[in-house]
Amino acid sequence: MFKNLNDLRTNAVIENSKLPQKEWSWTNATVKIKKYSENRIEIETENDGDGFLVLTDTFYPSWNTTVDNKETKIYLTDYNFRGIIVPKGKHKIIFYNNLF
């Protein structure tokens, strides 16, 4: 259960989407932004268990993402941001915009 619903470092509101059916127990992770431009963001993560990464850039339908070169669903998170499920382990995540 949530310890502190006002702590946005540990809680996220995922809107109008159903996560895959399973019990989730999220973990904290190490996250490094390796490249950031207007149409591409490259991130490296390492976590001990499944996690949910919230990128506090505006959600927009033309954005896509991959985790280790596999397409991954972006969830509208916290009313305006992008969120993705990140599996346990080390990963390279790329957010990219299809419009450009």
C-alpha atoms as a PDB file:
ATOM      1  CA  MET A   1       0.000   0.000   0.000  1.00  0.00           C
ATOM      2  CA  PHE A   2       1.096   3.600  -0.467  1.00  0.00           C
ATOM      3  CA  LYS A   3       2.999   5.043   2.468  1.00  0.00           C
ATOM      4  CA  ASN A   4       2.666   8.709   1.529  1.00  0.00           C
ATOM      5  CA  LEU A   5       0.308   9.554  -1.329  1.00  0.00           C
ATOM      6  CA  ASN A   6       1.755  13.066  -1.621  1.00  0.00           C
ATOM      7  CA  ASP A   7       5.322  11.844  -2.278  1.00  0.00           C
ATOM      8  CA  LEU A   8       5.641  12.102  -6.062  1.00  0.00           C
ATOM      9  CA  ARG A   9       9.057  10.424  -5.931  1.00  0.00           C
ATOM     10  CA  THR A  10       7.370   7.128  -5.028  1.00  0.00           C
ATOM     11  CA  ASN A  11       3.810   7.465  -6.408  1.00  0.00           C
ATOM     12  CA  ALA A  12       2.398   8.017  -9.871  1.00  0.00           C
ATOM     13  CA  VAL A  13      -1.116   8.291 -11.250  1.00  0.00           C
ATOM     14  CA  ILE A  14      -1.398   6.250 -14.442  1.00  0.00           C
ATOM     15  CA  GLU A  15      -4.387   7.441 -16.438  1.00  0.00           C
ATOM     16  CA  ASN A  16      -6.927   5.621 -18.605  1.00  0.00           C
ATOM     17  CA  SER A  17      -4.712   2.582 -19.024  1.00  0.00           C
ATOM     18  CA  LYS A  18      -4.644  -0.835 -17.519  1.00  0.00           C
ATOM     19  CA  LEU A  19      -1.254  -2.194 -16.654  1.00  0.00           C
ATOM     20  CA  PRO A  20      -0.623  -5.837 -17.573  1.00  0.00           C
ATOM     21  CA  GLN A  21      -2.305  -8.206 -15.107  1.00  0.00           C
ATOM     22  CA  LYS A  22       0.127  -9.016 -12.307  1.00  0.00           C
ATOM     23  CA  GLU A  23       0.983  -7.887  -8.818  1.00  0.00           C
ATOM     24  CA  TRP A  24       3.411  -4.980  -9.058  1.00  0.00           C
ATOM     25  CA  SER A  25       6.069  -4.307  -6.467  1.00  0.00           C
ATOM     26  CA  TRP A  26       8.149  -1.465  -7.922  1.00  0.00           C
ATOM     27  CA  THR A  27      11.791  -0.848  -7.003  1.00  0.00           C
ATOM     28  CA  ASN A  28      13.988   2.224  -7.105  1.00  0.00           C
ATOM     29  CA  ALA A  29      16.676   2.423  -9.763  1.00  0.00           C
ATOM     30  CA  THR A  30      19.746   4.244 -10.945  1.00  0.00           C
ATOM     31  CA  VAL A  31      18.851   6.406 -13.953  1.00  0.00           C
ATOM     32  CA  LYS A  32      21.252   8.349 -16.193  1.00  0.00           C
ATOM     33  CA  ILE A  33      20.178  10.580 -19.063  1.00  0.00           C
ATOM     34  CA  LYS A  34      22.847  10.028 -21.727  1.00  0.00           C
ATOM     35  CA  LYS A  35      21.413  12.238 -24.498  1.00  0.00           C
ATOM     36  CA  TYR A  36      18.626  14.794 -24.502  1.00  0.00           C
ATOM     37  CA  SER A  37      17.421  16.628 -27.597  1.00  0.00           C
ATOM     38  CA  GLU A  38      14.040  17.895 -28.762  1.00  0.00           C
ATOM     39  CA  ASN A  39      13.228  14.652 -30.617  1.00  0.00           C
ATOM     40  CA  ARG A  40      15.288  11.972 -28.873  1.00  0.00           C
ATOM     41  CA  ILE A  41      16.116  11.088 -25.276  1.00  0.00           C
ATOM     42  CA  GLU A  42      18.492   8.249 -24.369  1.00  0.00           C
ATOM     43  CA  ILE A  43      18.467   6.885 -20.824  1.00  0.00           C
ATOM     44  CA  GLU A  44      20.353   4.088 -19.050  1.00  0.00           C
ATOM     45  CA  THR A  45      18.793   2.381 -16.037  1.00  0.00           C
ATOM     46  CA  GLU A  46      19.747  -0.296 -13.554  1.00  0.00           C
ATOM     47  CA  ASN A  47      17.273  -1.704 -11.053  1.00  0.00           C
ATOM     48  CA  ASP A  48      16.944  -4.719  -8.746  1.00  0.00           C
ATOM     49  CA  GLY A  49      13.331  -5.401  -9.737  1.00  0.00           C
ATOM     50  CA  ASP A  50      10.615  -4.129 -12.070  1.00  0.00           C
ATOM     51  CA  GLY A  51      10.227  -0.356 -12.018  1.00  0.00           C
ATOM     52  CA  PHE A  52       8.068   2.399 -13.437  1.00  0.00           C
ATOM     53  CA  LEU A  53       9.996   5.305 -14.964  1.00  0.00           C
ATOM     54  CA  VAL A  54       8.282   8.705 -15.124  1.00  0.00           C
ATOM     55  CA  LEU A  55       9.800  11.188 -17.568  1.00  0.00           C
ATOM     56  CA  THR A  56       8.517  14.621 -16.614  1.00  0.00           C
ATOM     57  CA  ASP A  57       8.246  15.826 -20.194  1.00  0.00           C
ATOM     58  CA  THR A  58       4.820  16.444 -21.691  1.00  0.00           C
ATOM     59  CA  PHE A  59       2.965  13.385 -22.956  1.00  0.00           C
ATOM     60  CA  TYR A  60       2.167  13.612 -26.653  1.00  0.00           C
ATOM     61  CA  PRO A  61       0.942  10.770 -28.931  1.00  0.00           C
ATOM     62  CA  SER A  62       3.742  11.179 -31.500  1.00  0.00           C
ATOM     63  CA  TRP A  63       6.327   9.978 -28.957  1.00  0.00           C
ATOM     64  CA  ASN A  64       7.431   6.343 -28.869  1.00  0.00           C
ATOM     65  CA  THR A  65       9.886   4.452 -26.724  1.00  0.00           C
ATOM     66  CA  THR A  66      12.054   1.362 -26.773  1.00  0.00           C
ATOM     67  CA  VAL A  67      13.662  -0.608 -23.967  1.00  0.00           C
ATOM     68  CA  ASP A  68      16.696  -2.468 -25.333  1.00  0.00           C
ATOM     69  CA  ASN A  69      15.407  -1.904 -28.900  1.00  0.00           C
ATOM     70  CA  LYS A  70      11.945  -3.373 -28.146  1.00  0.00           C
ATOM     71  CA  GLU A  71       8.905  -1.097 -28.515  1.00  0.00           C
ATOM     72  CA  THR A  72       7.314  -0.299 -25.157  1.00  0.00           C
ATOM     73  CA  LYS A  73       3.981   1.301 -24.259  1.00  0.00           C
ATOM     74  CA  ILE A  74       4.036   4.864 -22.923  1.00  0.00           C
ATOM     75  CA  TYR A  75       1.416   5.536 -20.237  1.00  0.00           C
ATOM     76  CA  LEU A  76      -0.056   8.985 -19.608  1.00  0.00           C
ATOM     77  CA  THR A  77       1.197   9.580 -16.067  1.00  0.00           C
ATOM     78  CA  ASP A  78       0.515  12.248 -13.431  1.00  0.00           C
ATOM     79  CA  TYR A  79      -1.907  14.098 -15.738  1.00  0.00           C
ATOM     80  CA  ASN A  80       0.762  15.304 -18.192  1.00  0.00           C
ATOM     81  CA  PHE A  81       3.899  13.145 -18.214  1.00  0.00           C
ATOM     82  CA  ARG A  82       5.223   9.954 -19.818  1.00  0.00           C
ATOM     83  CA  GLY A  83       5.653   6.720 -17.889  1.00  0.00           C
ATOM     84  CA  ILE A  84       6.951   3.277 -18.875  1.00  0.00           C
ATOM     85  CA  ILE A  85       7.465  -0.085 -17.228  1.00  0.00           C
ATOM     86  CA  VAL A  86      11.163  -0.933 -16.881  1.00  0.00           C
ATOM     87  CA  PRO A  87      12.034  -4.574 -16.173  1.00  0.00           C
ATOM     88  CA  LYS A  88      14.651  -5.700 -13.671  1.00  0.00           C
ATOM     89  CA  GLY A  89      18.284  -5.284 -14.763  1.00  0.00           C
ATOM     90  CA  LYS A  90      20.345  -2.875 -16.876  1.00  0.00           C
ATOM     91  CA  HIS A  91      18.580  -1.249 -19.814  1.00  0.00           C
ATOM     92  CA  LYS A  92      18.943   1.341 -22.561  1.00  0.00           C
ATOM     93  CA  ILE A  93      15.746   3.333 -23.041  1.00  0.00           C
ATOM     94  CA  ILE A  94      15.128   5.593 -26.019  1.00  0.00           C
ATOM     95  CA  PHE A  95      12.217   8.022 -26.315  1.00  0.00           C
ATOM     96  CA  TYR A  96      11.833   9.328 -29.875  1.00  0.00           C
ATOM     97  CA  ASN A  97       9.375  11.531 -31.729  1.00  0.00           C
ATOM     98  CA  ASN A  98       7.882  10.147 -34.963  1.00  0.00           C
ATOM     99  CA  LEU A  99       7.011  13.585 -36.358  1.00  0.00           C
ATOM    100  CA  PHE A 100      10.600  14.497 -37.225  1.00  0.00           C
END
